[in-house]
Amino acid sequence: MKKMLVISVLACIGVSAFAADGATIFKKCAVCHGAKADKVYLNKVPALKTLSFEERAQALKEYKAGTRNKFGQGAIMKVQLNSLSEADLEAVDKYIETLK
């Protein structure tokens, strides 16, 4: 019984260690979008926190896929998002929601 408890605890720790951390991931986004996601980038890209969760989620997916080039930022956004998983993208989007 104790072995099962230990194994269960270790499994939970292992899963949480690999869970996406939106705050940590967002740190590289903050350079352009501001620490509170409130920066209007290049006087044309709207502040991320003014967009809905769904709008951000769709934009992130499209930028990552390379199918979006709004404001001429498609190439740089594709590079920035290339290494992120779906869970990472969702974690970042959820983190931005907390900044409102």
N, C-alpha and C. Protein backbone atom coordinates (compact mmCIF):
# COMPACT_ATOMS: atom_id res chain seq x y z
N MET A 1 0.82 -1.19 0.00
CA MET A 1 0.00 0.00 0.00
C MET A 1 0.86 1.26 0.00
N LYS A 2 1.93 1.25 0.82
CA LYS A 2 2.82 2.41 0.87
C LYS A 2 3.52 2.63 -0.46
N LYS A 3 3.88 1.54 -1.14
CA LYS A 3 4.54 1.66 -2.44
C LYS A 3 3.62 2.35 -3.44
N MET A 4 2.35 1.99 -3.43
CA MET A 4 1.39 2.60 -4.35
C MET A 4 1.23 4.09 -4.06
N LEU A 5 1.21 4.46 -2.79
CA LEU A 5 1.10 5.85 -2.41
C LEU A 5 2.31 6.63 -2.88
N VAL A 6 3.49 6.09 -2.67
CA VAL A 6 4.73 6.75 -3.09
C VAL A 6 4.75 6.89 -4.60
N ILE A 7 4.38 5.85 -5.31
CA ILE A 7 4.37 5.89 -6.77
C ILE A 7 3.37 6.95 -7.26
N SER A 8 2.21 7.00 -6.65
CA SER A 8 1.20 7.99 -7.03
C SER A 8 1.70 9.41 -6.81
N VAL A 9 2.32 9.65 -5.67
CA VAL A 9 2.85 10.98 -5.37
C VAL A 9 3.94 11.35 -6.36
N LEU A 10 4.84 10.44 -6.65
CA LEU A 10 5.92 10.71 -7.60
C LEU A 10 5.37 10.97 -9.00
N ALA A 11 4.35 10.25 -9.38
CA ALA A 11 3.74 10.46 -10.70
C ALA A 11 3.13 11.86 -10.78
N CYS A 12 2.46 12.29 -9.73
CA CYS A 12 1.87 13.63 -9.71
C CYS A 12 2.94 14.71 -9.77
N ILE A 13 4.00 14.51 -9.04
CA ILE A 13 5.10 15.47 -9.06
C ILE A 13 5.71 15.53 -10.45
N GLY A 14 5.91 14.39 -11.06
CA GLY A 14 6.48 14.34 -12.40
C GLY A 14 5.62 15.05 -13.42
N VAL A 15 4.32 14.85 -13.35
CA VAL A 15 3.41 15.51 -14.28
C VAL A 15 3.41 17.02 -14.07
N SER A 16 3.37 17.46 -12.81
CA SER A 16 3.35 18.89 -12.55
C SER A 16 4.67 19.56 -12.92
N ALA A 17 5.76 18.82 -12.87
CA ALA A 17 7.05 19.38 -13.23
C ALA A 17 7.11 19.72 -14.71
N PHE A 18 6.33 18.99 -15.52
CA PHE A 18 6.33 19.23 -16.96
C PHE A 18 5.12 20.05 -17.41
N ALA A 19 4.29 20.45 -16.47
CA ALA A 19 3.11 21.24 -16.81
C ALA A 19 3.55 22.61 -17.34
N ALA A 20 2.80 23.11 -18.28
CA ALA A 20 3.11 24.41 -18.86
C ALA A 20 2.92 25.51 -17.81
N ASP A 21 3.88 26.42 -17.74
CA ASP A 21 3.81 27.54 -16.81
C ASP A 21 3.69 28.82 -17.63
N GLY A 22 2.48 29.32 -17.72
CA GLY A 22 2.21 30.49 -18.54
C GLY A 22 3.02 31.70 -18.15
N ALA A 23 3.21 31.92 -16.85
CA ALA A 23 3.96 33.10 -16.39
C ALA A 23 5.41 33.04 -16.86
N THR A 24 6.00 31.87 -16.76
CA THR A 24 7.40 31.71 -17.19
C THR A 24 7.52 31.87 -18.70
N ILE A 25 6.63 31.25 -19.43
CA ILE A 25 6.67 31.34 -20.89
C ILE A 25 6.43 32.77 -21.34
N PHE A 26 5.52 33.48 -20.66
CA PHE A 26 5.18 34.85 -21.06
C PHE A 26 6.35 35.81 -20.91
N LYS A 27 7.33 35.49 -20.11
CA LYS A 27 8.46 36.40 -19.89
C LYS A 27 9.12 36.80 -21.21
N LYS A 28 9.23 35.87 -22.16
CA LYS A 28 9.84 36.24 -23.44
C LYS A 28 8.88 37.06 -24.29
N CYS A 29 7.58 36.94 -24.05
CA CYS A 29 6.57 37.72 -24.77
C CYS A 29 6.55 39.17 -24.26
N ALA A 30 6.86 39.32 -22.98
CA ALA A 30 6.76 40.62 -22.32
C ALA A 30 7.69 41.65 -22.93
N VAL A 31 8.75 41.22 -23.57
CA VAL A 31 9.69 42.16 -24.19
C VAL A 31 8.95 43.06 -25.17
N CYS A 32 8.08 42.49 -25.97
CA CYS A 32 7.32 43.27 -26.95
C CYS A 32 5.94 43.66 -26.46
N HIS A 33 5.31 42.80 -25.68
CA HIS A 33 3.91 43.00 -25.30
C HIS A 33 3.72 43.62 -23.92
N GLY A 34 4.81 43.85 -23.19
CA GLY A 34 4.74 44.45 -21.86
C GLY A 34 4.51 43.42 -20.77
N ALA A 35 5.01 43.70 -19.59
CA ALA A 35 4.92 42.77 -18.47
C ALA A 35 3.48 42.46 -18.07
N LYS A 36 2.58 43.38 -18.34
CA LYS A 36 1.17 43.20 -18.01
C LYS A 36 0.32 42.99 -19.27
N ALA A 37 0.97 42.67 -20.40
CA ALA A 37 0.29 42.45 -21.69
C ALA A 37 -0.52 43.67 -22.10
N ASP A 38 -0.04 44.85 -21.71
CA ASP A 38 -0.78 46.08 -21.98
C ASP A 38 -0.09 47.01 -22.97
N LYS A 39 1.00 46.57 -23.56
CA LYS A 39 1.78 47.40 -24.48
C LYS A 39 1.24 47.26 -25.91
N VAL A 40 1.04 48.39 -26.56
CA VAL A 40 0.68 48.41 -27.98
C VAL A 40 2.00 48.40 -28.74
N TYR A 41 2.30 47.29 -29.38
CA TYR A 41 3.60 47.10 -30.02
C TYR A 41 3.64 47.80 -31.38
N LEU A 42 4.69 48.55 -31.62
CA LEU A 42 4.91 49.28 -32.87
C LEU A 42 3.74 50.21 -33.22
N ASN A 43 3.03 50.64 -32.23
CA ASN A 43 1.87 51.51 -32.41
C ASN A 43 0.80 50.93 -33.33
N LYS A 44 0.78 49.59 -33.47
CA LYS A 44 -0.25 48.99 -34.31
C LYS A 44 -0.76 47.65 -33.79
N VAL A 45 0.07 46.88 -33.11
CA VAL A 45 -0.38 45.59 -32.56
C VAL A 45 -1.10 45.89 -31.26
N PRO A 46 -2.38 45.52 -31.15
CA PRO A 46 -3.13 45.85 -29.94
C PRO A 46 -2.57 45.15 -28.70
N ALA A 47 -2.79 45.76 -27.56
CA ALA A 47 -2.39 45.15 -26.29
C ALA A 47 -3.09 43.81 -26.15
N LEU A 48 -2.35 42.80 -25.78
CA LEU A 48 -2.90 41.45 -25.71
C LEU A 48 -4.06 41.33 -24.73
N LYS A 49 -3.98 42.08 -23.64
CA LYS A 49 -5.05 41.94 -22.64
C LYS A 49 -6.35 42.59 -23.09
N THR A 50 -6.35 43.34 -24.20
CA THR A 50 -7.59 43.90 -24.73
C THR A 50 -8.32 42.91 -25.63
N LEU A 51 -7.65 41.81 -25.98
CA LEU A 51 -8.26 40.78 -26.82
C LEU A 51 -8.92 39.73 -25.94
N SER A 52 -9.91 39.06 -26.47
CA SER A 52 -10.56 37.99 -25.71
C SER A 52 -9.66 36.76 -25.68
N PHE A 53 -9.95 35.89 -24.74
CA PHE A 53 -9.23 34.62 -24.63
C PHE A 53 -9.26 33.88 -25.97
N GLU A 54 -10.43 33.83 -26.58
CA GLU A 54 -10.60 33.11 -27.85
C GLU A 54 -9.82 33.77 -28.98
N GLU A 55 -9.82 35.10 -29.03
CA GLU A 55 -9.06 35.81 -30.07
C GLU A 55 -7.57 35.53 -29.95
N ARG A 56 -7.06 35.58 -28.72
CA ARG A 56 -5.64 35.29 -28.51
C ARG A 56 -5.32 33.85 -28.86
N ALA A 57 -6.16 32.92 -28.44
CA ALA A 57 -5.93 31.50 -28.71
C ALA A 57 -5.87 31.25 -30.21
N GLN A 58 -6.79 31.83 -30.95
CA GLN A 58 -6.81 31.65 -32.40
C GLN A 58 -5.57 32.27 -33.04
N ALA A 59 -5.22 33.47 -32.61
CA ALA A 59 -4.04 34.14 -33.17
C ALA A 59 -2.77 33.34 -32.88
N LEU A 60 -2.63 32.83 -31.67
CA LEU A 60 -1.45 32.04 -31.32
C LEU A 60 -1.34 30.80 -32.21
N LYS A 61 -2.44 30.11 -32.41
CA LYS A 61 -2.44 28.91 -33.26
C LYS A 61 -2.07 29.26 -34.69
N GLU A 62 -2.65 30.34 -35.21
CA GLU A 62 -2.37 30.74 -36.59
C GLU A 62 -0.93 31.21 -36.76
N TYR A 63 -0.42 31.99 -35.82
CA TYR A 63 0.97 32.42 -35.91
C TYR A 63 1.91 31.21 -35.86
N LYS A 64 1.65 30.29 -34.96
CA LYS A 64 2.49 29.10 -34.84
C LYS A 64 2.47 28.28 -36.13
N ALA A 65 1.31 28.17 -36.76
CA ALA A 65 1.17 27.41 -38.00
C ALA A 65 1.76 28.16 -39.20
N GLY A 66 2.00 29.46 -39.03
CA GLY A 66 2.54 30.25 -40.13
C GLY A 66 1.47 30.73 -41.10
N THR A 67 0.21 30.69 -40.67
CA THR A 67 -0.89 31.08 -41.55
C THR A 67 -1.40 32.49 -41.25
N ARG A 68 -0.77 33.16 -40.32
CA ARG A 68 -1.19 34.52 -39.95
C ARG A 68 0.00 35.46 -40.08
N ASN A 69 -0.24 36.63 -40.68
CA ASN A 69 0.82 37.62 -40.81
C ASN A 69 0.27 39.02 -40.54
N LYS A 70 -0.61 39.10 -39.55
CA LYS A 70 -1.21 40.38 -39.22
C LYS A 70 -0.15 41.34 -38.73
N PHE A 71 -0.23 42.57 -39.21
CA PHE A 71 0.71 43.63 -38.85
C PHE A 71 2.15 43.30 -39.28
N GLY A 72 2.32 42.34 -40.19
CA GLY A 72 3.65 41.97 -40.67
C GLY A 72 4.50 41.24 -39.65
N GLN A 73 3.87 40.66 -38.64
CA GLN A 73 4.61 40.01 -37.56
C GLN A 73 4.61 38.49 -37.66
N GLY A 74 4.11 37.94 -38.75
CA GLY A 74 3.98 36.49 -38.89
C GLY A 74 5.27 35.72 -38.72
N ALA A 75 6.34 36.16 -39.39
CA ALA A 75 7.60 35.42 -39.34
C ALA A 75 8.20 35.41 -37.93
N ILE A 76 8.23 36.55 -37.28
CA ILE A 76 8.82 36.61 -35.94
C ILE A 76 7.97 35.83 -34.94
N MET A 77 6.65 35.91 -35.08
CA MET A 77 5.79 35.18 -34.16
C MET A 77 5.91 33.68 -34.36
N LYS A 78 6.05 33.24 -35.61
CA LYS A 78 6.22 31.81 -35.88
C LYS A 78 7.48 31.30 -35.20
N VAL A 79 8.56 32.05 -35.29
CA VAL A 79 9.82 31.66 -34.64
C VAL A 79 9.64 31.61 -33.12
N GLN A 80 8.97 32.62 -32.56
CA GLN A 80 8.79 32.68 -31.11
C GLN A 80 7.92 31.54 -30.59
N LEU A 81 6.95 31.11 -31.39
CA LEU A 81 5.99 30.10 -30.93
C LEU A 81 6.35 28.69 -31.35
N ASN A 82 7.32 28.55 -32.21
CA ASN A 82 7.65 27.25 -32.80
C ASN A 82 7.91 26.15 -31.78
N SER A 83 8.59 26.46 -30.69
CA SER A 83 8.96 25.43 -29.71
C SER A 83 7.88 25.19 -28.65
N LEU A 84 6.78 25.93 -28.72
CA LEU A 84 5.73 25.80 -27.70
C LEU A 84 4.68 24.77 -28.11
N SER A 85 4.24 24.01 -27.13
CA SER A 85 3.19 23.01 -27.36
C SER A 85 1.82 23.68 -27.26
N GLU A 86 0.78 22.92 -27.59
CA GLU A 86 -0.59 23.41 -27.44
C GLU A 86 -0.85 23.78 -25.97
N ALA A 87 -0.35 22.95 -25.07
CA ALA A 87 -0.52 23.21 -23.63
C ALA A 87 0.19 24.50 -23.23
N ASP A 88 1.36 24.75 -23.80
CA ASP A 88 2.09 25.99 -23.52
C ASP A 88 1.30 27.21 -23.99
N LEU A 89 0.75 27.11 -25.20
CA LEU A 89 -0.02 28.22 -25.76
C LEU A 89 -1.24 28.51 -24.88
N GLU A 90 -1.91 27.47 -24.45
CA GLU A 90 -3.08 27.63 -23.59
C GLU A 90 -2.68 28.23 -22.24
N ALA A 91 -1.54 27.79 -21.70
CA ALA A 91 -1.06 28.31 -20.41
C ALA A 91 -0.74 29.80 -20.51
N VAL A 92 -0.13 30.21 -21.59
CA VAL A 92 0.19 31.63 -21.79
C VAL A 92 -1.10 32.43 -21.89
N ASP A 93 -2.04 31.93 -22.68
CA ASP A 93 -3.31 32.63 -22.85
C ASP A 93 -4.04 32.75 -21.51
N LYS A 94 -4.05 31.69 -20.73
CA LYS A 94 -4.69 31.74 -19.41
C LYS A 94 -3.96 32.72 -18.49
N TYR A 95 -2.65 32.76 -18.57
CA TYR A 95 -1.88 33.69 -17.74
C TYR A 95 -2.23 35.14 -18.11
N ILE A 96 -2.31 35.44 -19.39
CA ILE A 96 -2.66 36.79 -19.82
C ILE A 96 -4.02 37.18 -19.26
N GLU A 97 -4.94 36.22 -19.21
CA GLU A 97 -6.28 36.48 -18.66
C GLU A 97 -6.18 36.95 -17.21
N THR A 98 -5.20 36.48 -16.45
CA THR A 98 -5.06 36.88 -15.04
C THR A 98 -4.51 38.29 -14.90
N LEU A 99 -3.96 38.85 -15.95
CA LEU A 99 -3.35 40.17 -15.89
C LEU A 99 -4.37 41.30 -16.01
N LYS A 100 -5.60 40.98 -16.32
CA LYS A 100 -6.63 42.01 -16.51
C LYS A 100 -7.05 42.65 -15.22
